[in-house]
Amino acid sequence: MIKKSYSSIDEINRDLNILRLKRDIHYQKVFRSVDIVKQELTPDVLLRRSVGSMVNYIKSSGSFQAFIITTILKQIFNRRKQK
């Protein structure tokens, strides 16, 4: 780090204010990142992504595989409805 020499208190205060602002910006970035992670880990978002992944897999797989997978999923959901 380069040593800086100051000739007045105003220069010191200016640099301190700049450092305070930089620190506040970094804190806000960290808190915003934490909020984004909290939003991404909610149960509804995780469920939507899981179902979306299954749908994409079924769409990209062959027709026979898609038939088998959808039949199995229907059986699972029908059993849950009956209980």
Protein backbone atom coordinates (compact mmCIF):
# COMPACT_ATOMS: atom_id res chain seq x y z
CA MET A 1 0.00 0.00 0.00
CA ILE A 2 1.26 3.45 -0.87
CA LYS A 3 1.73 5.84 2.01
CA LYS A 4 -0.03 9.08 1.44
CA SER A 5 0.93 12.31 3.10
CA TYR A 6 -1.75 14.82 3.91
CA SER A 7 -1.33 18.53 4.12
CA SER A 8 -4.65 19.30 5.78
CA ILE A 9 -7.39 17.81 7.89
CA ASP A 10 -9.83 18.34 5.02
CA GLU A 11 -7.88 15.91 2.85
CA ILE A 12 -7.97 13.32 5.61
CA ASN A 13 -11.70 13.79 6.09
CA ARG A 14 -12.32 13.54 2.36
CA ASP A 15 -10.44 10.25 2.14
CA LEU A 16 -12.22 8.94 5.24
CA ASN A 17 -15.57 9.77 3.68
CA ILE A 18 -14.59 7.99 0.49
CA LEU A 19 -13.54 4.92 2.47
CA ARG A 20 -16.80 5.00 4.45
CA LEU A 21 -18.80 5.13 1.25
CA LYS A 22 -16.83 2.25 -0.27
CA ARG A 23 -17.42 0.19 2.88
CA ASP A 24 -21.15 0.94 2.78
CA ILE A 25 -21.34 -0.06 -0.87
CA HIS A 26 -19.61 -3.37 -0.12
CA TYR A 27 -21.98 -4.05 2.79
CA GLN A 28 -24.99 -3.36 0.57
CA LYS A 29 -23.63 -5.73 -2.08
CA VAL A 30 -23.17 -8.48 0.50
CA PHE A 31 -26.66 -8.00 1.95
CA ARG A 32 -28.17 -7.97 -1.54
CA SER A 33 -26.37 -11.21 -2.37
CA VAL A 34 -27.72 -12.80 0.80
CA ASP A 35 -31.25 -11.69 -0.12
CA ILE A 36 -30.89 -13.18 -3.60
CA VAL A 37 -29.70 -16.50 -2.17
CA LYS A 38 -32.64 -16.54 0.28
CA GLN A 39 -35.06 -15.96 -2.59
CA GLU A 40 -33.49 -18.69 -4.70
CA LEU A 41 -33.69 -21.26 -1.90
CA THR A 42 -37.38 -20.93 -1.13
CA PRO A 43 -39.34 -24.19 -1.46
CA ASP A 44 -41.56 -22.95 -4.29
CA VAL A 45 -38.59 -21.87 -6.42
CA LEU A 46 -36.79 -25.17 -5.80
CA LEU A 47 -39.93 -27.12 -6.70
CA ARG A 48 -40.50 -25.11 -9.89
CA ARG A 49 -36.93 -25.69 -10.99
CA SER A 50 -37.12 -29.42 -10.25
CA VAL A 51 -40.37 -29.84 -12.17
CA GLY A 52 -38.97 -27.71 -14.99
CA SER A 53 -35.90 -29.91 -15.18
CA MET A 54 -38.03 -33.05 -15.35
CA VAL A 55 -40.18 -31.55 -18.10
CA ASN A 56 -37.11 -30.55 -20.11
CA TYR A 57 -35.66 -34.04 -19.69
CA ILE A 58 -38.90 -35.64 -20.85
CA LYS A 59 -39.12 -33.32 -23.85
CA SER A 60 -35.54 -34.04 -24.89
CA SER A 61 -35.72 -37.81 -24.39
CA GLY A 62 -37.17 -40.22 -26.90
CA SER A 63 -40.91 -40.81 -27.15
CA PHE A 64 -40.77 -44.23 -25.46
CA GLN A 65 -38.77 -42.84 -22.53
CA ALA A 66 -41.17 -39.93 -22.26
CA PHE A 67 -44.12 -42.33 -22.18
CA ILE A 68 -42.55 -44.45 -19.44
CA ILE A 69 -41.56 -41.47 -17.31
CA THR A 70 -44.95 -39.79 -17.58
CA THR A 71 -46.72 -43.05 -16.74
CA ILE A 72 -44.57 -43.50 -13.64
CA LEU A 73 -45.15 -39.91 -12.55
CA LYS A 74 -48.92 -40.28 -13.02
CA GLN A 75 -48.89 -43.42 -10.88
CA ILE A 76 -46.96 -41.63 -8.12
CA PHE A 77 -49.28 -38.62 -8.11
CA ASN A 78 -52.41 -40.81 -8.24
CA ARG A 79 -51.22 -42.77 -5.20
CA ARG A 80 -50.68 -39.55 -3.27
CA LYS A 81 -54.17 -38.31 -4.15
CA GLN A 82 -55.73 -41.55 -2.93
CA LYS A 83 -54.07 -41.33 0.48
